Amino acid sequence: MVPESQETSILLFSYGTLQDKAVQLANFGRELTGRPDAMTGYVQNWVDITDPEVLKTSGKAQHPIVYASYDPKDEVLGTVFEVSQNELHAADAYEVADYKRVSVLLKSGVHAWVYIKA
């Protein structure tokens, strides 16, 4: 097994609660470092959260959720983080069924995983 520190970094874009320090500590055991970026062709809305663990971790009953608008003028701001494969799986476990993980091309020109409306 390859030590986590030697794993290839995976890019994960967040426009919502995965940017929160408390959510990062609860899910990854560390605070993530990231850089600002944006998704073009997407718009943001809100979803009601009913999962007790997610409510407890985020402290918020509504989370942002995005879906494709296909309009290049639309943009969702957020942060792109480098995570390990294990951390990506932890993020998968944190996200509720309203979300699905897809790969998108960010405004900066890099591809990253992001959770959008399922």
Protein backbone atom coordinates (compact mmCIF):
# COMPACT_ATOMS: atom_id res chain seq x y z
CA MET A 1 0.00 0.00 0.00
CA VAL A 2 1.27 3.48 -0.89
CA PRO A 3 1.46 5.86 2.08
CA GLU A 4 -1.21 8.56 1.84
CA SER A 5 1.46 11.28 1.66
CA GLN A 6 2.74 9.68 -1.56
CA GLU A 7 -0.67 9.22 -3.20
CA THR A 8 -1.48 11.24 -6.28
CA SER A 9 -3.46 14.32 -5.29
CA ILE A 10 -7.02 14.50 -6.53
CA LEU A 11 -8.67 17.86 -7.20
CA LEU A 12 -12.01 18.46 -5.49
CA PHE A 13 -13.98 21.66 -6.08
CA SER A 14 -16.32 22.91 -3.37
CA TYR A 15 -18.83 25.74 -3.51
CA GLY A 16 -20.49 24.78 -0.23
CA THR A 17 -19.95 23.24 3.19
CA LEU A 18 -16.80 21.30 2.28
CA GLN A 19 -15.11 24.72 2.47
CA ASP A 20 -16.00 24.93 6.20
CA LYS A 21 -13.17 24.12 8.62
CA ALA A 22 -15.46 22.14 10.98
CA VAL A 23 -16.78 20.02 8.10
CA GLN A 24 -13.23 19.36 6.88
CA LEU A 25 -12.01 18.34 10.33
CA ALA A 26 -15.01 16.04 10.84
CA ASN A 27 -14.64 14.34 7.45
CA PHE A 28 -10.90 14.45 6.71
CA GLY A 29 -9.28 14.92 10.12
CA ARG A 30 -7.46 17.99 8.83
CA GLU A 31 -8.06 21.44 7.44
CA LEU A 32 -7.69 21.49 3.66
CA THR A 33 -5.75 24.13 1.77
CA GLY A 34 -7.16 25.32 -1.49
CA ARG A 35 -7.31 28.08 -4.04
CA PRO A 36 -10.24 30.07 -5.45
CA ASP A 37 -11.73 28.88 -8.73
CA ALA A 38 -15.11 28.76 -10.45
CA MET A 39 -17.41 26.50 -12.45
CA THR A 40 -18.85 28.08 -15.56
CA GLY A 41 -22.16 27.00 -17.08
CA TYR A 42 -23.69 26.17 -13.68
CA VAL A 43 -26.11 27.93 -11.34
CA GLN A 44 -26.63 27.51 -7.61
CA ASN A 45 -29.79 26.67 -5.71
CA TRP A 46 -30.50 25.24 -2.24
CA VAL A 47 -31.41 21.80 -0.91
CA ASP A 48 -32.97 20.94 2.47
CA ILE A 49 -30.76 18.62 4.52
CA THR A 50 -32.48 15.99 6.68
CA ASP A 51 -29.57 13.61 7.39
CA PRO A 52 -28.87 14.02 11.14
CA GLU A 53 -25.10 13.46 10.83
CA VAL A 54 -24.73 16.01 8.02
CA LEU A 55 -26.89 18.50 9.96
CA LYS A 56 -24.73 17.98 13.04
CA THR A 57 -21.46 18.36 11.11
CA SER A 58 -22.40 21.40 9.03
CA GLY A 59 -24.82 23.06 11.44
CA LYS A 60 -26.94 24.09 8.45
CA ALA A 61 -30.39 22.87 7.40
CA GLN A 62 -29.91 24.06 3.83
CA HIS A 63 -26.87 23.47 1.65
CA PRO A 64 -26.07 24.97 -1.73
CA ILE A 65 -26.48 22.69 -4.75
CA VAL A 66 -25.60 23.39 -8.37
CA TYR A 67 -26.92 22.20 -11.70
CA ALA A 68 -25.89 22.78 -15.28
CA SER A 69 -27.38 25.81 -17.02
CA TYR A 70 -25.19 25.40 -20.12
CA ASP A 71 -24.90 29.21 -20.23
CA PRO A 72 -21.20 30.19 -20.20
CA LYS A 73 -22.13 33.47 -18.49
CA ASP A 74 -23.30 31.55 -15.40
CA GLU A 75 -20.63 30.97 -12.80
CA VAL A 76 -20.40 29.35 -9.36
CA LEU A 77 -17.49 30.49 -7.19
CA GLY A 78 -15.71 28.14 -4.82
CA THR A 79 -12.43 26.56 -3.81
CA VAL A 80 -10.43 23.75 -5.39
CA PHE A 81 -8.68 21.44 -2.90
CA GLU A 82 -6.11 18.68 -3.27
CA VAL A 83 -7.32 15.54 -1.50
CA SER A 84 -6.28 11.90 -1.28
CA GLN A 85 -8.34 8.98 -2.58
CA ASN A 86 -9.39 8.21 1.02
CA GLU A 87 -10.50 11.81 1.54
CA LEU A 88 -12.50 11.71 -1.70
CA HIS A 89 -14.29 8.61 -0.39
CA ALA A 90 -14.94 10.46 2.90
CA ALA A 91 -16.48 13.33 0.91
CA ASP A 92 -18.65 10.82 -0.97
CA ALA A 93 -19.90 9.47 2.36
CA TYR A 94 -20.65 13.00 3.65
CA GLU A 95 -22.73 14.10 0.66
CA VAL A 96 -26.42 13.19 0.74
CA ALA A 97 -28.34 11.44 -2.06
CA ASP A 98 -29.34 14.80 -3.61
CA TYR A 99 -25.77 15.08 -4.93
CA LYS A 100 -23.69 13.13 -7.42
CA ARG A 101 -19.97 13.47 -8.06
CA VAL A 102 -18.88 14.46 -11.57
CA SER A 103 -15.70 15.76 -13.18
CA VAL A 104 -15.85 19.32 -14.51
CA LEU A 105 -13.48 21.71 -16.24
CA LEU A 106 -12.97 24.69 -13.96
CA LYS A 107 -12.45 28.27 -15.09
CA SER A 108 -8.72 27.93 -14.34
CA GLY A 109 -8.45 25.14 -16.91
CA VAL A 110 -8.05 22.21 -14.49
CA HIS A 111 -10.42 19.27 -14.16
CA ALA A 112 -11.79 18.57 -10.68
CA TRP A 113 -14.42 16.44 -9.02
CA VAL A 114 -17.50 18.31 -7.78
CA TYR A 115 -20.87 17.40 -6.30
CA ILE A 116 -23.84 18.58 -8.37
CA LYS A 117 -27.60 17.95 -8.32
CA ALA A 118 -28.25 14.23 -8.77
